[in-house]
Amino acid sequence: MYIVTSADPESPESFWAPSLPVQYWSFHSGLTGWLMLFLILRFFKYLEFSNSLGVVGDTFQKAAKDLAIFLLIFFLIILAFSYAGFYFYRGRMYEFSTFPKSFSTVFSIMFGQVDFQTFGFNSDTSLGSFSIAFLWSITILVYLILINMFLAIILGAFEEIQGDVKRYRLERLQVNKYVPQH
């Protein structure tokens, strides 16, 4: 059950305040989601019994330090674009009216969910060439460069782990030559 807090429910300024049972259900759903994520991450620990499946957990473990540094830089770049969008568009566009909305909009742009009509390419809200440069810079810097850097970090760690697995198999084969077979 929801309670309308604005006279006009179609206006973007209105919001829906959930009643108490809905808040409990929302909390329970969020908690369940986090627990499932934790269980999936714990599952990687149990993949070590197989050489080919254990590579997944080992890869993320090997790349953990580089991924932490990368995620910090990634988050700072997203914050910079969010603040720039909030600063330049806050009085012109609802999507950038607050900093959290700006942050969410930058993530949407990063994943290709851009509506050019509402973004500001009409005559009354447009900043002209800044809007085009803003969209292209998010697309090129974040989507093309940073996502590829993320993949390069993961693939580099994967190649190192694959080399370790091949050396381990070779050592095991050499040891097995000298162990008597019954």
N, C-alpha and C. Protein backbone atom coordinates (compact mmCIF):
# COMPACT_ATOMS: atom_id res chain seq x y z
N MET A 1 0.84 -1.18 0.00
CA MET A 1 0.00 0.00 0.00
C MET A 1 0.88 1.24 0.00
N TYR A 2 0.61 2.13 -0.91
CA TYR A 2 1.41 3.35 -1.04
C TYR A 2 0.56 4.57 -0.72
N ILE A 3 1.22 5.60 -0.27
CA ILE A 3 0.56 6.86 0.06
C ILE A 3 1.12 7.93 -0.85
N VAL A 4 0.25 8.63 -1.57
CA VAL A 4 0.69 9.69 -2.46
C VAL A 4 0.96 10.93 -1.62
N THR A 5 2.13 11.54 -1.81
CA THR A 5 2.49 12.70 -1.01
C THR A 5 2.41 13.99 -1.81
N SER A 6 1.92 13.95 -3.03
CA SER A 6 1.79 15.15 -3.84
C SER A 6 0.39 15.21 -4.42
N ALA A 7 -0.08 16.40 -4.70
CA ALA A 7 -1.41 16.54 -5.27
C ALA A 7 -1.47 15.98 -6.69
N ASP A 8 -0.42 16.15 -7.44
CA ASP A 8 -0.37 15.66 -8.81
C ASP A 8 0.58 14.47 -8.88
N PRO A 9 0.06 13.23 -8.97
CA PRO A 9 0.94 12.06 -8.95
C PRO A 9 1.79 11.92 -10.21
N GLU A 10 1.48 12.67 -11.27
CA GLU A 10 2.25 12.58 -12.50
C GLU A 10 3.46 13.50 -12.52
N SER A 11 3.55 14.44 -11.58
CA SER A 11 4.66 15.38 -11.57
C SER A 11 5.92 14.69 -11.09
N PRO A 12 7.08 15.09 -11.64
CA PRO A 12 8.32 14.44 -11.20
C PRO A 12 8.70 14.80 -9.77
N GLU A 13 8.10 15.83 -9.20
CA GLU A 13 8.41 16.20 -7.83
C GLU A 13 7.70 15.32 -6.82
N SER A 14 6.68 14.58 -7.25
CA SER A 14 5.95 13.72 -6.32
C SER A 14 6.74 12.46 -6.06
N PHE A 15 6.52 11.90 -4.93
CA PHE A 15 7.14 10.61 -4.63
C PHE A 15 6.13 9.78 -3.85
N TRP A 16 6.39 8.52 -3.79
CA TRP A 16 5.49 7.59 -3.11
C TRP A 16 6.16 7.12 -1.83
N ALA A 17 5.50 7.36 -0.73
CA ALA A 17 6.04 6.92 0.55
C ALA A 17 5.42 5.57 0.88
N PRO A 18 6.19 4.54 1.01
CA PRO A 18 5.62 3.22 1.31
C PRO A 18 5.16 3.13 2.75
N SER A 19 4.14 2.32 2.97
CA SER A 19 3.66 2.10 4.33
C SER A 19 4.62 1.16 5.05
N LEU A 20 4.39 0.92 6.33
CA LEU A 20 5.31 0.14 7.14
C LEU A 20 5.51 -1.30 6.65
N PRO A 21 4.46 -2.06 6.28
CA PRO A 21 4.73 -3.42 5.78
C PRO A 21 5.58 -3.44 4.50
N VAL A 22 5.40 -2.45 3.65
CA VAL A 22 6.19 -2.39 2.43
C VAL A 22 7.64 -2.08 2.76
N GLN A 23 7.88 -1.25 3.77
CA GLN A 23 9.25 -0.96 4.18
C GLN A 23 9.93 -2.21 4.72
N TYR A 24 9.21 -3.00 5.52
CA TYR A 24 9.79 -4.25 6.01
C TYR A 24 10.09 -5.20 4.87
N TRP A 25 9.17 -5.31 3.90
CA TRP A 25 9.38 -6.19 2.77
C TRP A 25 10.57 -5.71 1.94
N SER A 26 10.70 -4.41 1.77
CA SER A 26 11.82 -3.86 1.02
C SER A 26 13.13 -4.16 1.73
N PHE A 27 13.16 -4.00 3.05
CA PHE A 27 14.37 -4.31 3.81
C PHE A 27 14.71 -5.79 3.69
N HIS A 28 13.70 -6.63 3.80
CA HIS A 28 13.91 -8.08 3.69
C HIS A 28 14.44 -8.45 2.31
N SER A 29 13.91 -7.85 1.26
CA SER A 29 14.38 -8.13 -0.09
C SER A 29 15.82 -7.68 -0.27
N GLY A 30 16.16 -6.51 0.24
CA GLY A 30 17.53 -6.03 0.14
C GLY A 30 18.49 -6.91 0.91
N LEU A 31 18.11 -7.32 2.11
CA LEU A 31 18.95 -8.20 2.91
C LEU A 31 19.13 -9.55 2.22
N THR A 32 18.07 -10.07 1.64
CA THR A 32 18.16 -11.34 0.92
C THR A 32 19.09 -11.22 -0.27
N GLY A 33 19.03 -10.12 -0.98
CA GLY A 33 19.93 -9.90 -2.11
C GLY A 33 21.39 -9.88 -1.69
N TRP A 34 21.70 -9.18 -0.60
CA TRP A 34 23.08 -9.13 -0.12
C TRP A 34 23.55 -10.51 0.35
N LEU A 35 22.67 -11.26 1.00
CA LEU A 35 23.05 -12.60 1.44
C LEU A 35 23.31 -13.52 0.26
N MET A 36 22.51 -13.42 -0.78
CA MET A 36 22.74 -14.24 -1.96
C MET A 36 24.07 -13.89 -2.62
N LEU A 37 24.39 -12.61 -2.69
CA LEU A 37 25.68 -12.20 -3.23
C LEU A 37 26.82 -12.78 -2.40
N PHE A 38 26.69 -12.74 -1.09
CA PHE A 38 27.71 -13.30 -0.21
C PHE A 38 27.85 -14.80 -0.43
N LEU A 39 26.73 -15.50 -0.58
CA LEU A 39 26.79 -16.94 -0.81
C LEU A 39 27.43 -17.28 -2.15
N ILE A 40 27.16 -16.50 -3.16
CA ILE A 40 27.78 -16.74 -4.47
C ILE A 40 29.28 -16.53 -4.38
N LEU A 41 29.71 -15.49 -3.67
CA LEU A 41 31.15 -15.25 -3.51
C LEU A 41 31.80 -16.35 -2.69
N ARG A 42 31.10 -16.89 -1.70
CA ARG A 42 31.63 -18.01 -0.92
C ARG A 42 31.73 -19.28 -1.77
N PHE A 43 30.89 -19.38 -2.78
CA PHE A 43 30.89 -20.55 -3.65
C PHE A 43 32.22 -20.67 -4.40
N PHE A 44 32.85 -19.53 -4.71
CA PHE A 44 34.13 -19.58 -5.40
C PHE A 44 35.19 -20.31 -4.57
N LYS A 45 35.07 -20.25 -3.24
CA LYS A 45 36.03 -20.94 -2.38
C LYS A 45 35.93 -22.45 -2.60
N TYR A 46 34.74 -22.95 -2.82
CA TYR A 46 34.55 -24.38 -2.96
C TYR A 46 34.81 -24.88 -4.37
N LEU A 47 35.16 -24.01 -5.28
CA LEU A 47 35.51 -24.43 -6.62
C LEU A 47 36.95 -24.90 -6.73
N GLU A 48 37.70 -24.80 -5.65
CA GLU A 48 39.12 -25.14 -5.68
C GLU A 48 39.37 -26.63 -5.83
N PHE A 49 38.36 -27.48 -5.65
CA PHE A 49 38.58 -28.92 -5.77
C PHE A 49 38.88 -29.33 -7.21
N SER A 50 38.51 -28.53 -8.16
CA SER A 50 38.76 -28.81 -9.56
C SER A 50 39.78 -27.81 -10.09
N ASN A 51 40.76 -28.31 -10.83
CA ASN A 51 41.79 -27.40 -11.37
C ASN A 51 41.19 -26.36 -12.30
N SER A 52 40.29 -26.78 -13.17
CA SER A 52 39.75 -25.84 -14.15
C SER A 52 38.76 -24.87 -13.53
N LEU A 53 38.00 -25.29 -12.52
CA LEU A 53 37.05 -24.38 -11.88
C LEU A 53 37.71 -23.51 -10.81
N GLY A 54 38.78 -24.01 -10.21
CA GLY A 54 39.48 -23.24 -9.19
C GLY A 54 40.19 -22.03 -9.75
N VAL A 55 40.37 -22.00 -11.05
CA VAL A 55 41.04 -20.88 -11.70
C VAL A 55 40.24 -19.59 -11.52
N VAL A 56 38.92 -19.70 -11.46
CA VAL A 56 38.07 -18.51 -11.33
C VAL A 56 38.35 -17.79 -10.01
N GLY A 57 38.30 -18.54 -8.92
CA GLY A 57 38.57 -17.93 -7.62
C GLY A 57 39.99 -17.43 -7.50
N ASP A 58 40.93 -18.22 -8.02
CA ASP A 58 42.33 -17.80 -7.98
C ASP A 58 42.58 -16.53 -8.79
N THR A 59 41.86 -16.40 -9.91
CA THR A 59 42.02 -15.21 -10.75
C THR A 59 41.59 -13.96 -10.01
N PHE A 60 40.43 -14.01 -9.37
CA PHE A 60 39.97 -12.83 -8.63
C PHE A 60 40.84 -12.56 -7.41
N GLN A 61 41.35 -13.62 -6.81
CA GLN A 61 42.24 -13.43 -5.66
C GLN A 61 43.56 -12.79 -6.09
N LYS A 62 44.08 -13.21 -7.24
CA LYS A 62 45.33 -12.65 -7.76
C LYS A 62 45.17 -11.18 -8.19
N ALA A 63 43.98 -10.85 -8.72
CA ALA A 63 43.74 -9.50 -9.24
C ALA A 63 43.13 -8.57 -8.20
N ALA A 64 42.98 -8.99 -6.95
CA ALA A 64 42.26 -8.20 -5.95
C ALA A 64 42.88 -6.83 -5.72
N LYS A 65 44.18 -6.75 -5.59
CA LYS A 65 44.82 -5.45 -5.31
C LYS A 65 44.66 -4.51 -6.50
N ASP A 66 44.91 -5.01 -7.70
CA ASP A 66 44.75 -4.17 -8.90
C ASP A 66 43.30 -3.75 -9.09
N LEU A 67 42.36 -4.65 -8.80
CA LEU A 67 40.94 -4.32 -8.93
C LEU A 67 40.51 -3.27 -7.91
N ALA A 68 41.05 -3.33 -6.71
CA ALA A 68 40.71 -2.33 -5.69
C ALA A 68 41.17 -0.94 -6.13
N ILE A 69 42.37 -0.85 -6.64
CA ILE A 69 42.88 0.44 -7.13
C ILE A 69 42.06 0.92 -8.33
N PHE A 70 41.75 0.00 -9.23
CA PHE A 70 40.95 0.35 -10.40
C PHE A 70 39.56 0.85 -9.99
N LEU A 71 38.91 0.15 -9.05
CA LEU A 71 37.57 0.55 -8.63
C LEU A 71 37.58 1.91 -7.95
N LEU A 72 38.64 2.23 -7.23
CA LEU A 72 38.76 3.57 -6.63
C LEU A 72 38.83 4.64 -7.71
N ILE A 73 39.67 4.42 -8.71
CA ILE A 73 39.79 5.39 -9.80
C ILE A 73 38.49 5.48 -10.58
N PHE A 74 37.86 4.34 -10.84
CA PHE A 74 36.59 4.30 -11.56
C PHE A 74 35.52 5.10 -10.80
N PHE A 75 35.44 4.91 -9.49
CA PHE A 75 34.47 5.63 -8.68
C PHE A 75 34.74 7.13 -8.67
N LEU A 76 36.00 7.52 -8.61
CA LEU A 76 36.33 8.95 -8.63
C LEU A 76 35.97 9.60 -9.96
N ILE A 77 36.16 8.88 -11.07
CA ILE A 77 35.79 9.42 -12.38
C ILE A 77 34.27 9.55 -12.49
N ILE A 78 33.54 8.56 -12.00
CA ILE A 78 32.07 8.64 -12.01
C ILE A 78 31.61 9.81 -11.14
N LEU A 79 32.23 10.01 -9.99
CA LEU A 79 31.88 11.15 -9.14
C LEU A 79 32.15 12.47 -9.85
N ALA A 80 33.26 12.55 -10.58
CA ALA A 80 33.60 13.79 -11.29
C ALA A 80 32.54 14.09 -12.37
N PHE A 81 32.16 13.08 -13.14
CA PHE A 81 31.12 13.30 -14.15
C PHE A 81 29.78 13.62 -13.51
N SER A 82 29.47 13.01 -12.38
CA SER A 82 28.20 13.29 -11.69
C SER A 82 28.17 14.73 -11.21
N TYR A 83 29.28 15.19 -10.63
CA TYR A 83 29.32 16.56 -10.16
C TYR A 83 29.26 17.56 -11.33
N ALA A 84 29.94 17.23 -12.43
CA ALA A 84 29.88 18.12 -13.60
C ALA A 84 28.46 18.20 -14.15
N GLY A 85 27.78 17.07 -14.23
CA GLY A 85 26.39 17.08 -14.70
C GLY A 85 25.48 17.82 -13.75
N PHE A 86 25.68 17.64 -12.45
CA PHE A 86 24.88 18.35 -11.46
C PHE A 86 25.12 19.85 -11.54
N TYR A 87 26.36 20.25 -11.71
CA TYR A 87 26.69 21.67 -11.76
C TYR A 87 26.12 22.35 -13.01
N PHE A 88 26.25 21.71 -14.17
CA PHE A 88 25.83 22.35 -15.41
C PHE A 88 24.35 22.19 -15.72
N TYR A 89 23.71 21.13 -15.27
CA TYR A 89 22.32 20.86 -15.67
C TYR A 89 21.31 20.95 -14.53
N ARG A 90 21.68 21.29 -13.32
CA ARG A 90 20.76 21.18 -12.20
C ARG A 90 19.51 22.04 -12.33
N GLY A 91 19.60 23.19 -12.93
CA GLY A 91 18.42 24.02 -13.11
C GLY A 91 17.68 23.75 -14.40
N ARG A 92 18.24 22.94 -15.26
CA ARG A 92 17.67 22.70 -16.58
C ARG A 92 17.02 21.33 -16.73
N MET A 93 17.53 20.34 -16.02
CA MET A 93 17.05 18.97 -16.21
C MET A 93 16.73 18.34 -14.86
N TYR A 94 15.61 17.61 -14.82
CA TYR A 94 15.21 16.91 -13.60
C TYR A 94 16.20 15.81 -13.25
N GLU A 95 16.80 15.16 -14.26
CA GLU A 95 17.72 14.05 -14.03
C GLU A 95 18.98 14.47 -13.29
N PHE A 96 19.32 15.75 -13.34
CA PHE A 96 20.51 16.26 -12.67
C PHE A 96 20.16 17.24 -11.56
N SER A 97 18.92 17.22 -11.06
CA SER A 97 18.49 18.21 -10.07
C SER A 97 19.13 18.00 -8.71
N THR A 98 19.44 16.78 -8.34
CA THR A 98 20.16 16.51 -7.09
C THR A 98 21.39 15.67 -7.43
N PHE A 99 22.33 15.62 -6.48
CA PHE A 99 23.55 14.86 -6.75
C PHE A 99 23.28 13.35 -6.88
N PRO A 100 22.44 12.74 -6.03
CA PRO A 100 22.17 11.31 -6.24
C PRO A 100 21.50 11.01 -7.58
N LYS A 101 20.60 11.89 -8.02
CA LYS A 101 19.98 11.70 -9.34
C LYS A 101 21.02 11.87 -10.44
N SER A 102 21.93 12.79 -10.25
CA SER A 102 23.00 12.98 -11.22
C SER A 102 23.89 11.75 -11.29
N PHE A 103 24.21 11.18 -10.14
CA PHE A 103 25.02 9.96 -10.09
C PHE A 103 24.32 8.82 -10.83
N SER A 104 23.04 8.66 -10.58
CA SER A 104 22.26 7.62 -11.25
C SER A 104 22.18 7.86 -12.76
N THR A 105 22.03 9.10 -13.17
CA THR A 105 21.95 9.42 -14.59
C THR A 105 23.27 9.14 -15.29
N VAL A 106 24.38 9.43 -14.64
CA VAL A 106 25.69 9.15 -15.24
C VAL A 106 25.86 7.65 -15.43
N PHE A 107 25.42 6.85 -14.46
CA PHE A 107 25.47 5.40 -14.64
C PHE A 107 24.59 4.96 -15.79
N SER A 108 23.42 5.57 -15.93
CA SER A 108 22.54 5.22 -17.05
C SER A 108 23.18 5.58 -18.39
N ILE A 109 23.81 6.73 -18.46
CA ILE A 109 24.50 7.14 -19.69
C ILE A 109 25.65 6.18 -19.98
N MET A 110 26.36 5.78 -18.93
CA MET A 110 27.49 4.88 -19.11
C MET A 110 27.06 3.56 -19.75
N PHE A 111 25.86 3.09 -19.43
CA PHE A 111 25.37 1.83 -19.99
C PHE A 111 24.49 2.02 -21.21
N GLY A 112 24.48 3.23 -21.78
CA GLY A 112 23.82 3.46 -23.05
C GLY A 112 22.35 3.81 -22.97
N GLN A 113 21.82 4.10 -21.83
CA GLN A 113 20.42 4.46 -21.69
C GLN A 113 20.28 5.99 -21.73
N VAL A 114 20.37 6.52 -22.92
CA VAL A 114 20.32 7.97 -23.09
C VAL A 114 19.10 8.32 -23.93
N ASP A 115 18.27 9.20 -23.39
CA ASP A 115 17.16 9.73 -24.17
C ASP A 115 17.56 11.15 -24.56
N PHE A 116 17.88 11.33 -25.83
CA PHE A 116 18.44 12.61 -26.29
C PHE A 116 17.43 13.75 -26.19
N GLN A 117 16.14 13.45 -26.25
CA GLN A 117 15.13 14.52 -26.14
C GLN A 117 15.09 15.09 -24.73
N THR A 118 15.17 14.23 -23.72
CA THR A 118 15.14 14.74 -22.35
C THR A 118 16.52 15.16 -21.86
N PHE A 119 17.58 14.76 -22.55
CA PHE A 119 18.92 15.11 -22.09
C PHE A 119 19.24 16.57 -22.31
N GLY A 120 18.59 17.21 -23.22
CA GLY A 120 18.85 18.64 -23.38
C GLY A 120 19.27 19.05 -24.76
N PHE A 121 18.91 18.29 -25.77
CA PHE A 121 19.27 18.69 -27.12
C PHE A 121 18.16 19.48 -27.80
N ASN A 122 17.14 19.89 -27.05
CA ASN A 122 16.17 20.82 -27.61
C ASN A 122 16.60 22.24 -27.26
N SER A 123 15.99 23.21 -27.84
CA SER A 123 16.50 24.59 -27.77
C SER A 123 16.37 25.23 -26.40
N ASP A 124 15.40 24.83 -25.57
CA ASP A 124 15.21 25.55 -24.32
C ASP A 124 16.10 25.05 -23.18
N THR A 125 16.64 23.83 -23.24
CA THR A 125 17.46 23.35 -22.14
C THR A 125 18.89 23.02 -22.56
N SER A 126 19.22 23.20 -23.78
CA SER A 126 20.51 22.72 -24.28
C SER A 126 21.66 23.63 -23.88
N LEU A 127 22.79 23.02 -23.64
CA LEU A 127 24.02 23.76 -23.45
C LEU A 127 24.88 23.68 -24.70
N GLY A 128 24.28 23.19 -25.79
CA GLY A 128 24.98 23.15 -27.06
C GLY A 128 26.06 22.11 -27.12
N SER A 129 27.25 22.57 -27.47
CA SER A 129 28.35 21.64 -27.67
C SER A 129 28.81 20.98 -26.38
N PHE A 130 28.51 21.58 -25.21
CA PHE A 130 28.87 20.94 -23.95
C PHE A 130 28.11 19.64 -23.76
N SER A 131 26.84 19.62 -24.15
CA SER A 131 26.04 18.40 -24.01
C SER A 131 26.62 17.27 -24.85
N ILE A 132 27.02 17.59 -26.06
CA ILE A 132 27.61 16.58 -26.93
C ILE A 132 28.94 16.10 -26.36
N ALA A 133 29.77 17.03 -25.93
CA ALA A 133 31.07 16.66 -25.36
C ALA A 133 30.90 15.86 -24.07
N PHE A 134 29.92 16.22 -23.27
CA PHE A 134 29.66 15.50 -22.01
C PHE A 134 29.28 14.04 -22.29
N LEU A 135 28.36 13.83 -23.21
CA LEU A 135 27.94 12.46 -23.54
C LEU A 135 29.08 11.64 -24.15
N TRP A 136 29.81 12.24 -25.09
CA TRP A 136 30.89 11.50 -25.74
C TRP A 136 32.03 11.21 -24.78
N SER A 137 32.32 12.13 -23.88
CA SER A 137 33.41 11.88 -22.93
C SER A 137 33.05 10.76 -21.96
N ILE A 138 31.80 10.70 -21.51
CA ILE A 138 31.38 9.58 -20.66
C ILE A 138 31.48 8.28 -21.44
N THR A 139 31.00 8.30 -22.67
CA THR A 139 31.00 7.08 -23.48
C THR A 139 32.42 6.60 -23.75
N ILE A 140 33.29 7.49 -24.17
CA ILE A 140 34.65 7.07 -24.53
C ILE A 140 35.48 6.74 -23.30
N LEU A 141 35.52 7.65 -22.32
CA LEU A 141 36.40 7.44 -21.17
C LEU A 141 35.93 6.29 -20.29
N VAL A 142 34.67 6.30 -19.93
CA VAL A 142 34.19 5.30 -18.98
C VAL A 142 33.89 3.98 -19.67
N TYR A 143 33.07 4.04 -20.69
CA TYR A 143 32.60 2.79 -21.28
C TYR A 143 33.68 2.09 -22.08
N LEU A 144 34.39 2.80 -22.91
CA LEU A 144 35.36 2.14 -23.77
C LEU A 144 36.71 1.91 -23.09
N ILE A 145 37.24 2.92 -22.42
CA ILE A 145 38.59 2.80 -21.87
C ILE A 145 38.58 2.08 -20.52
N LEU A 146 37.76 2.53 -19.57
CA LEU A 146 37.82 1.95 -18.24
C LEU A 146 37.29 0.52 -18.19
N ILE A 147 36.26 0.22 -18.93
CA ILE A 147 35.75 -1.16 -18.94
C ILE A 147 36.78 -2.08 -19.58
N ASN A 148 37.47 -1.63 -20.60
CA ASN A 148 38.53 -2.44 -21.20
C ASN A 148 39.72 -2.60 -20.26
N MET A 149 40.01 -1.60 -19.45
CA MET A 149 41.07 -1.73 -18.45
C MET A 149 40.68 -2.79 -17.41
N PHE A 150 39.42 -2.79 -17.02
CA PHE A 150 38.93 -3.81 -16.08
C PHE A 150 39.13 -5.21 -16.66
N LEU A 151 38.76 -5.38 -17.91
CA LEU A 151 38.95 -6.69 -18.55
C LEU A 151 40.43 -7.04 -18.67
N ALA A 152 41.28 -6.07 -18.93
CA ALA A 152 42.71 -6.34 -19.04
C ALA A 152 43.29 -6.79 -17.69
N ILE A 153 42.83 -6.21 -16.60
CA ILE A 153 43.29 -6.63 -15.27
C ILE A 153 42.89 -8.07 -15.01
N ILE A 154 41.63 -8.40 -15.29
CA ILE A 154 41.15 -9.76 -15.06
C ILE A 154 41.88 -10.75 -15.96
N LEU A 155 42.03 -10.41 -17.24
CA LEU A 155 42.68 -11.33 -18.16
C LEU A 155 44.17 -11.50 -17.86
N GLY A 156 44.84 -10.45 -17.39
CA GLY A 156 46.24 -10.56 -17.00
C GLY A 156 46.41 -11.52 -15.83
N ALA A 157 45.54 -11.40 -14.83
CA ALA A 157 45.60 -12.32 -13.69
C ALA A 157 45.26 -13.74 -14.12
N PHE A 158 44.32 -13.88 -15.05
CA PHE A 158 43.94 -15.20 -15.55
C PHE A 158 45.11 -15.88 -16.26
N GLU A 159 45.85 -15.10 -17.07
CA GLU A 159 47.01 -15.68 -17.76
C GLU A 159 48.09 -16.13 -16.78
N GLU A 160 48.31 -15.35 -15.71
CA GLU A 160 49.28 -15.76 -14.70
C GLU A 160 48.86 -17.04 -14.01
N ILE A 161 47.58 -17.14 -13.69
CA ILE A 161 47.06 -18.34 -13.03
C ILE A 161 47.15 -19.54 -13.97
N GLN A 162 46.84 -19.34 -15.24
CA GLN A 162 46.95 -20.43 -16.22
C GLN A 162 48.39 -20.92 -16.32
N GLY A 163 49.36 -20.01 -16.30
CA GLY A 163 50.77 -20.40 -16.31
C GLY A 163 51.14 -21.21 -15.08
N ASP A 164 50.63 -20.79 -13.90
CA ASP A 164 50.89 -21.53 -12.67
C ASP A 164 50.30 -22.93 -12.74
N VAL A 165 49.09 -23.05 -13.29
CA VAL A 165 48.43 -24.36 -13.40
C VAL A 165 49.21 -25.27 -14.34
N LYS A 166 49.71 -24.73 -15.44
CA LYS A 166 50.49 -25.54 -16.37
C LYS A 166 51.80 -26.01 -15.73
N ARG A 167 52.47 -25.13 -14.96
CA ARG A 167 53.69 -25.53 -14.28
C ARG A 167 53.41 -26.60 -13.22
N TYR A 168 52.31 -26.47 -12.52
CA TYR A 168 51.93 -27.44 -11.50
C TYR A 168 51.67 -28.81 -12.14
N ARG A 169 50.95 -28.82 -13.26
CA ARG A 169 50.68 -30.08 -13.96
C ARG A 169 51.98 -30.71 -14.46
N LEU A 170 52.90 -29.90 -14.99
CA LEU A 170 54.17 -30.41 -15.48
C LEU A 170 54.99 -31.00 -14.33
N GLU A 171 55.04 -30.32 -13.18
CA GLU A 171 55.76 -30.84 -12.02
C GLU A 171 55.14 -32.15 -11.54
N ARG A 172 53.82 -32.22 -11.53
CA ARG A 172 53.13 -33.43 -11.09
C ARG A 172 53.42 -34.59 -12.03
N LEU A 173 53.48 -34.31 -13.33
CA LEU A 173 53.81 -35.36 -14.30
C LEU A 173 55.23 -35.85 -14.10
N GLN A 174 56.17 -34.95 -13.85
CA GLN A 174 57.56 -35.35 -13.66
C GLN A 174 57.73 -36.16 -12.38
N VAL A 175 57.02 -35.81 -11.32
CA VAL A 175 57.09 -36.56 -10.07
C VAL A 175 56.47 -37.94 -10.26
N ASN A 176 55.37 -38.02 -11.01
CA ASN A 176 54.69 -39.29 -11.22
C ASN A 176 55.54 -40.28 -12.01
N LYS A 177 56.51 -39.81 -12.78
CA LYS A 177 57.37 -40.72 -13.52
C LYS A 177 58.25 -41.55 -12.57
N TYR A 178 58.62 -40.95 -11.42
CA TYR A 178 59.51 -41.62 -10.49
C TYR A 178 58.78 -42.37 -9.38
N VAL A 179 57.46 -42.21 -9.28
CA VAL A 179 56.69 -42.92 -8.26
C VAL A 179 56.30 -44.27 -8.83
N PRO A 180 56.58 -45.35 -8.11
CA PRO A 180 56.24 -46.67 -8.63
C PRO A 180 54.72 -46.87 -8.72
N GLN A 181 54.28 -47.46 -9.76
CA GLN A 181 52.86 -47.74 -9.97
C GLN A 181 52.56 -49.16 -9.48
N HIS A 182 51.52 -49.36 -8.75
CA HIS A 182 51.14 -50.69 -8.25
C HIS A 182 49.98 -51.23 -9.00
